[in-house]
Amino acid sequence: DALAERVQCVALPLQRTCAAMLFYSFFKSLVGQEIVVELKNDMAIRGNLHSVDQYLNIKLTDISVVNEEKHPHLMSVKNCFIRGSVVRYVHLSPDMVDTELLQDASRVEAREQKKV
């Protein structure tokens, strides 16, 4: 699917809204998968998604920093907890994203918002 090939990263909302809960449910389905989390300070961390909570805080295991030359002090770190508010993007491989399911959930969310 051409759309799935173009999806390379998912931007996280900062506020806790119904849309954030949609992302929370989506990320829960990715537990155990390898992801790259790009932080607002331009650091990117690759690791296996261990858990995510309703605030979109992320726990990664088996991590590595994408640019180790720039951050050598993190080479020995194996696990980390990332506060959701410092996340800029979460990069995913296109085959991890079921775009039809996300689009359907987004449509339902938009209908619910119109009712309010």
Protein backbone atom coordinates (compact mmCIF):
# COMPACT_ATOMS: atom_id res chain seq x y z
CA ASP A 1 0.00 0.00 0.00
CA ALA A 2 1.52 3.31 -1.10
CA LEU A 3 0.21 5.21 1.93
CA ALA A 4 1.77 2.73 4.34
CA GLU A 5 5.13 3.11 2.59
CA ARG A 6 5.03 6.88 3.12
CA VAL A 7 4.24 6.58 6.83
CA GLN A 8 7.63 6.75 8.50
CA CYS A 9 6.96 8.48 11.77
CA VAL A 10 4.04 9.37 13.98
CA ALA A 11 3.94 12.74 15.73
CA LEU A 12 2.78 12.63 19.31
CA PRO A 13 0.31 15.18 20.66
CA LEU A 14 1.44 17.00 23.81
CA GLN A 15 -1.91 17.29 25.55
CA ARG A 16 -3.85 14.37 26.97
CA THR A 17 -6.96 14.21 24.78
CA CYS A 18 -9.05 11.53 23.15
CA ALA A 19 -6.57 11.64 20.26
CA ALA A 20 -3.79 10.93 22.76
CA MET A 21 -5.75 7.91 23.94
CA LEU A 22 -5.89 6.73 20.33
CA PHE A 23 -2.09 6.93 20.20
CA TYR A 24 -1.88 5.18 23.58
CA SER A 25 -3.93 2.24 22.29
CA PHE A 26 -1.88 2.15 19.10
CA PHE A 27 1.46 2.15 20.95
CA LYS A 28 0.26 -0.57 23.33
CA SER A 29 -0.15 -2.79 20.29
CA LEU A 30 3.54 -2.22 19.43
CA VAL A 31 4.96 -3.55 22.71
CA GLY A 32 7.93 -5.80 21.90
CA GLN A 33 8.66 -4.06 18.59
CA GLU A 34 11.79 -2.05 17.80
CA ILE A 35 11.15 1.70 17.50
CA VAL A 36 13.21 4.89 17.36
CA VAL A 37 12.19 7.72 19.68
CA GLU A 38 13.36 11.18 18.65
CA LEU A 39 13.50 13.63 21.54
CA LYS A 40 13.01 17.39 21.48
CA ASN A 41 16.72 17.84 22.24
CA ASP A 42 17.50 16.14 18.87
CA MET A 43 18.68 12.88 20.47
CA ALA A 44 17.29 9.69 18.93
CA ILE A 45 17.14 6.41 20.85
CA ARG A 46 16.51 3.00 19.26
CA GLY A 47 15.15 0.21 21.40
CA ASN A 48 12.43 -2.35 22.01
CA LEU A 49 9.18 -0.88 23.29
CA HIS A 50 8.68 -2.39 26.74
CA SER A 51 5.70 -0.32 27.86
CA VAL A 52 3.75 2.89 27.36
CA ASP A 53 1.28 4.61 29.68
CA GLN A 54 -1.68 6.95 29.22
CA TYR A 55 0.65 9.97 29.38
CA LEU A 56 2.62 8.47 26.48
CA ASN A 57 5.65 7.89 28.69
CA ILE A 58 7.76 5.20 27.03
CA LYS A 59 10.00 2.52 28.50
CA LEU A 60 12.60 1.05 26.11
CA THR A 61 14.86 -1.97 26.59
CA ASP A 62 18.04 -2.95 24.72
CA ILE A 63 18.61 0.66 23.70
CA SER A 64 21.26 2.29 21.57
CA VAL A 65 21.67 5.95 20.78
CA VAL A 66 21.41 6.61 17.05
CA ASN A 67 24.35 9.07 17.09
CA GLU A 68 26.73 7.44 19.60
CA GLU A 69 29.62 9.77 18.72
CA LYS A 70 27.57 12.72 19.93
CA HIS A 71 26.38 10.94 23.12
CA PRO A 72 29.16 8.51 24.19
CA HIS A 73 28.08 8.70 27.84
CA LEU A 74 24.93 6.70 26.94
CA MET A 75 26.74 3.76 25.31
CA SER A 76 26.55 1.66 28.48
CA VAL A 77 22.85 2.35 29.15
CA LYS A 78 20.62 -0.61 28.27
CA ASN A 79 17.13 0.49 29.41
CA CYS A 80 15.48 3.88 29.70
CA PHE A 81 12.26 5.64 30.63
CA ILE A 82 11.27 8.58 28.44
CA ARG A 83 8.77 11.17 29.62
CA GLY A 84 6.08 11.64 26.97
CA SER A 85 6.36 15.43 27.00
CA VAL A 86 9.97 15.32 25.70
CA VAL A 87 9.17 13.13 22.69
CA ARG A 88 9.16 14.82 19.28
CA TYR A 89 8.54 11.76 17.07
CA VAL A 90 8.33 8.01 17.25
CA HIS A 91 9.74 6.44 14.08
CA LEU A 92 8.18 3.15 13.01
CA SER A 93 8.73 0.83 10.11
CA PRO A 94 5.83 1.08 7.64
CA ASP A 95 4.80 -2.55 8.14
CA MET A 96 4.01 -1.80 11.81
CA VAL A 97 1.23 0.61 10.86
CA ASP A 98 -2.25 -0.58 9.91
CA THR A 99 -3.30 2.65 8.19
CA GLU A 100 -6.86 1.50 7.54
CA LEU A 101 -7.41 0.74 11.21
CA LEU A 102 -5.94 4.11 12.25
CA GLN A 103 -8.03 5.96 9.68
CA ASP A 104 -11.20 4.22 10.89
CA ALA A 105 -10.40 5.05 14.50
CA SER A 106 -9.69 8.67 13.52
CA ARG A 107 -13.04 8.92 11.74
CA VAL A 108 -14.85 7.58 14.79
CA GLU A 109 -12.94 10.07 16.97
CA ALA A 110 -13.87 12.96 14.65
CA ARG A 111 -17.56 11.97 14.79
CA GLU A 112 -17.41 11.84 18.59
CA GLN A 113 -15.82 15.31 18.70
CA LYS A 114 -18.61 16.74 16.52
CA LYS A 115 -21.21 15.46 19.01
CA VAL A 116 -19.60 17.41 21.86
